[in-house]
Amino acid sequence: MIDEEAFERYRDQLGELLVILHKTTTWLAFFSFCGYAVAAFYLYRGNIPLALGIATASYLFFRLFRPVSLAILRRMAALRDDLWPAMEWLDAQIAEHGAEQVISWLDDRLFPKP
């Protein structure tokens, strides 16, 4: 079970971390799909090997966007002393419960749907 007592202690910082995480994830997904567009451009220009290479790289990048976004979040949190304790708690929860479950749980509590 996710530690709700520590969650309440770090609530504001976790909210800020989740906003950073969602922005980062959105930008990484956007760049992945831009890669698909570039691949389509080269495909229609007749450069099939380059198009396949770009599409493959974009796909692999998209598959790694969650670990990459968490790594970027850790780096940004490390630069700010006020966010680092919450990031350590978040890392411990992710290690114990998995990233998808923890992020979903935090989203439900920090940004409830109307």
C-alpha atoms as a PDB file:
ATOM      1  CA  MET A   1       0.000   0.000   0.000  1.00  0.00           C
ATOM      2  CA  ILE A   2       1.202   3.482  -0.799  1.00  0.00           C
ATOM      3  CA  ASP A   3       2.297   5.453   2.272  1.00  0.00           C
ATOM      4  CA  GLU A   4      -0.512   8.010   2.693  1.00  0.00           C
ATOM      5  CA  GLU A   5       1.039   9.713   5.726  1.00  0.00           C
ATOM      6  CA  ALA A   6       4.157  10.656   3.768  1.00  0.00           C
ATOM      7  CA  PHE A   7       1.956  11.557   0.812  1.00  0.00           C
ATOM      8  CA  GLU A   8       0.208  14.205   2.936  1.00  0.00           C
ATOM      9  CA  ARG A   9       3.584  15.512   4.118  1.00  0.00           C
ATOM     10  CA  TYR A  10       4.849  15.914   0.534  1.00  0.00           C
ATOM     11  CA  ARG A  11       1.516  16.751  -1.120  1.00  0.00           C
ATOM     12  CA  ASP A  12       2.511  20.163  -2.543  1.00  0.00           C
ATOM     13  CA  GLN A  13       5.907  18.994  -3.751  1.00  0.00           C
ATOM     14  CA  LEU A  14       4.400  15.861  -5.318  1.00  0.00           C
ATOM     15  CA  GLY A  15       1.893  18.024  -7.151  1.00  0.00           C
ATOM     16  CA  GLU A  16       4.724  20.073  -8.576  1.00  0.00           C
ATOM     17  CA  LEU A  17       6.668  16.935  -9.501  1.00  0.00           C
ATOM     18  CA  LEU A  18       3.652  15.472 -11.289  1.00  0.00           C
ATOM     19  CA  VAL A  19       3.118  18.655 -13.280  1.00  0.00           C
ATOM     20  CA  ILE A  20       6.771  18.526 -14.372  1.00  0.00           C
ATOM     21  CA  LEU A  21       6.443  14.815 -15.183  1.00  0.00           C
ATOM     22  CA  HIS A  22       3.313  15.294 -17.286  1.00  0.00           C
ATOM     23  CA  LYS A  23       4.819  18.218 -19.195  1.00  0.00           C
ATOM     24  CA  THR A  24       7.985  16.232 -19.860  1.00  0.00           C
ATOM     25  CA  THR A  25       6.023  13.172 -20.959  1.00  0.00           C
ATOM     26  CA  THR A  26       3.883  15.275 -23.280  1.00  0.00           C
ATOM     27  CA  TRP A  27       6.917  16.851 -24.941  1.00  0.00           C
ATOM     28  CA  LEU A  28       8.668  13.496 -25.332  1.00  0.00           C
ATOM     29  CA  ALA A  29       5.571  11.962 -26.939  1.00  0.00           C
ATOM     30  CA  PHE A  30       5.247  14.999 -29.205  1.00  0.00           C
ATOM     31  CA  PHE A  31       8.854  14.659 -30.381  1.00  0.00           C
ATOM     32  CA  SER A  32       8.324  10.944 -31.004  1.00  0.00           C
ATOM     33  CA  PHE A  33       5.366  11.642 -33.253  1.00  0.00           C
ATOM     34  CA  CYS A  34       7.307  14.402 -35.001  1.00  0.00           C
ATOM     35  CA  GLY A  35       9.833  11.697 -35.799  1.00  0.00           C
ATOM     36  CA  TYR A  36       7.051   9.665 -37.411  1.00  0.00           C
ATOM     37  CA  ALA A  37       6.113  12.688 -39.514  1.00  0.00           C
ATOM     38  CA  VAL A  38       9.716  13.107 -40.654  1.00  0.00           C
ATOM     39  CA  ALA A  39       9.823   9.392 -41.487  1.00  0.00           C
ATOM     40  CA  ALA A  40       6.644   9.759 -43.564  1.00  0.00           C
ATOM     41  CA  PHE A  41       8.173  12.736 -45.366  1.00  0.00           C
ATOM     42  CA  TYR A  42      11.245  10.722 -46.344  1.00  0.00           C
ATOM     43  CA  LEU A  43       9.098   7.736 -47.279  1.00  0.00           C
ATOM     44  CA  TYR A  44       7.099   9.799 -49.766  1.00  0.00           C
ATOM     45  CA  ARG A  45      10.314  11.306 -51.134  1.00  0.00           C
ATOM     46  CA  GLY A  46      11.477   7.781 -51.938  1.00  0.00           C
ATOM     47  CA  ASN A  47      14.180   7.364 -49.306  1.00  0.00           C
ATOM     48  CA  ILE A  48      12.806   4.170 -47.753  1.00  0.00           C
ATOM     49  CA  PRO A  49      15.901   3.109 -45.726  1.00  0.00           C
ATOM     50  CA  LEU A  50      16.152   6.531 -44.055  1.00  0.00           C
ATOM     51  CA  ALA A  51      12.395   6.566 -43.400  1.00  0.00           C
ATOM     52  CA  LEU A  52      12.565   3.115 -41.781  1.00  0.00           C
ATOM     53  CA  GLY A  53      15.521   4.163 -39.657  1.00  0.00           C
ATOM     54  CA  ILE A  54      13.817   7.322 -38.426  1.00  0.00           C
ATOM     55  CA  ALA A  55      10.544   5.485 -37.774  1.00  0.00           C
ATOM     56  CA  THR A  56      12.361   2.760 -35.838  1.00  0.00           C
ATOM     57  CA  ALA A  57      14.279   5.293 -33.755  1.00  0.00           C
ATOM     58  CA  SER A  58      11.054   7.206 -33.042  1.00  0.00           C
ATOM     59  CA  TYR A  59       9.302   3.999 -31.996  1.00  0.00           C
ATOM     60  CA  LEU A  60      12.120   2.988 -29.655  1.00  0.00           C
ATOM     61  CA  PHE A  61      12.228   6.487 -28.202  1.00  0.00           C
ATOM     62  CA  PHE A  62       8.452   6.387 -27.658  1.00  0.00           C
ATOM     63  CA  ARG A  63       8.723   3.023 -25.899  1.00  0.00           C
ATOM     64  CA  LEU A  64      11.253   4.534 -23.492  1.00  0.00           C
ATOM     65  CA  PHE A  65       9.440   7.801 -22.810  1.00  0.00           C
ATOM     66  CA  ARG A  66       8.357   6.835 -19.265  1.00  0.00           C
ATOM     67  CA  PRO A  67      11.851   5.909 -18.006  1.00  0.00           C
ATOM     68  CA  VAL A  68      13.328   8.909 -19.816  1.00  0.00           C
ATOM     69  CA  SER A  69      10.717  11.263 -18.370  1.00  0.00           C
ATOM     70  CA  LEU A  70      11.340   9.891 -14.857  1.00  0.00           C
ATOM     71  CA  ALA A  71      15.093  10.355 -15.350  1.00  0.00           C
ATOM     72  CA  ILE A  72      14.525  13.958 -16.444  1.00  0.00           C
ATOM     73  CA  LEU A  73      12.251  14.474 -13.423  1.00  0.00           C
ATOM     74  CA  ARG A  74      14.923  13.094 -11.073  1.00  0.00           C
ATOM     75  CA  ARG A  75      17.489  15.425 -12.609  1.00  0.00           C
ATOM     76  CA  MET A  76      15.234  18.456 -12.213  1.00  0.00           C
ATOM     77  CA  ALA A  77      14.333  17.492  -8.637  1.00  0.00           C
ATOM     78  CA  ALA A  78      18.010  17.047  -7.767  1.00  0.00           C
ATOM     79  CA  LEU A  79      18.588  20.684  -8.640  1.00  0.00           C
ATOM     80  CA  ARG A  80      16.004  21.842  -6.109  1.00  0.00           C
ATOM     81  CA  ASP A  81      16.404  21.100  -2.420  1.00  0.00           C
ATOM     82  CA  ASP A  82      12.698  21.576  -1.730  1.00  0.00           C
ATOM     83  CA  LEU A  83      11.680  18.807  -4.185  1.00  0.00           C
ATOM     84  CA  TRP A  84      14.352  16.218  -3.464  1.00  0.00           C
ATOM     85  CA  PRO A  85      12.782  14.589  -0.339  1.00  0.00           C
ATOM     86  CA  ALA A  86       9.484  14.151  -2.204  1.00  0.00           C
ATOM     87  CA  MET A  87      11.379  12.701  -5.171  1.00  0.00           C
ATOM     88  CA  GLU A  88      13.107  10.184  -2.909  1.00  0.00           C
ATOM     89  CA  TRP A  89       9.704   9.161  -1.518  1.00  0.00           C
ATOM     90  CA  LEU A  90       8.316   8.910  -5.059  1.00  0.00           C
ATOM     91  CA  ASP A  91      11.259   6.745  -6.184  1.00  0.00           C
ATOM     92  CA  ALA A  92      10.738   4.405  -3.218  1.00  0.00           C
ATOM     93  CA  GLN A  93       7.028   4.075  -4.012  1.00  0.00           C
ATOM     94  CA  ILE A  94       7.760   3.432  -7.700  1.00  0.00           C
ATOM     95  CA  ALA A  95      10.313   0.764  -6.788  1.00  0.00           C
ATOM     96  CA  GLU A  96       7.778  -0.933  -4.521  1.00  0.00           C
ATOM     97  CA  HIS A  97       4.553  -0.589  -6.550  1.00  0.00           C
ATOM     98  CA  GLY A  98       5.552   0.257 -10.126  1.00  0.00           C
ATOM     99  CA  ALA A  99       5.505   3.572 -11.945  1.00  0.00           C
ATOM    100  CA  GLU A 100       2.115   3.213 -13.612  1.00  0.00           C
ATOM    101  CA  GLN A 101       0.266   2.381 -10.392  1.00  0.00           C
ATOM    102  CA  VAL A 102       1.953   5.119  -8.338  1.00  0.00           C
ATOM    103  CA  ILE A 103       1.524   7.864 -10.955  1.00  0.00           C
ATOM    104  CA  SER A 104      -2.118   6.877 -11.447  1.00  0.00           C
ATOM    105  CA  TRP A 105      -2.711   6.883  -7.678  1.00  0.00           C
ATOM    106  CA  LEU A 106      -1.113  10.308  -7.316  1.00  0.00           C
ATOM    107  CA  ASP A 107      -3.081  11.686 -10.263  1.00  0.00           C
ATOM    108  CA  ASP A 108      -6.334  10.524  -8.677  1.00  0.00           C
ATOM    109  CA  ARG A 109      -5.535  12.246  -5.388  1.00  0.00           C
ATOM    110  CA  LEU A 110      -3.817  15.391  -6.595  1.00  0.00           C
ATOM    111  CA  PHE A 111      -5.906  16.114  -9.685  1.00  0.00           C
ATOM    112  CA  PRO A 112      -9.338  14.568  -9.076  1.00  0.00           C
ATOM    113  CA  LYS A 113     -11.733  14.426 -11.988  1.00  0.00           C
ATOM    114  CA  PRO A 114     -14.912  16.478 -11.540  1.00  0.00           C
END
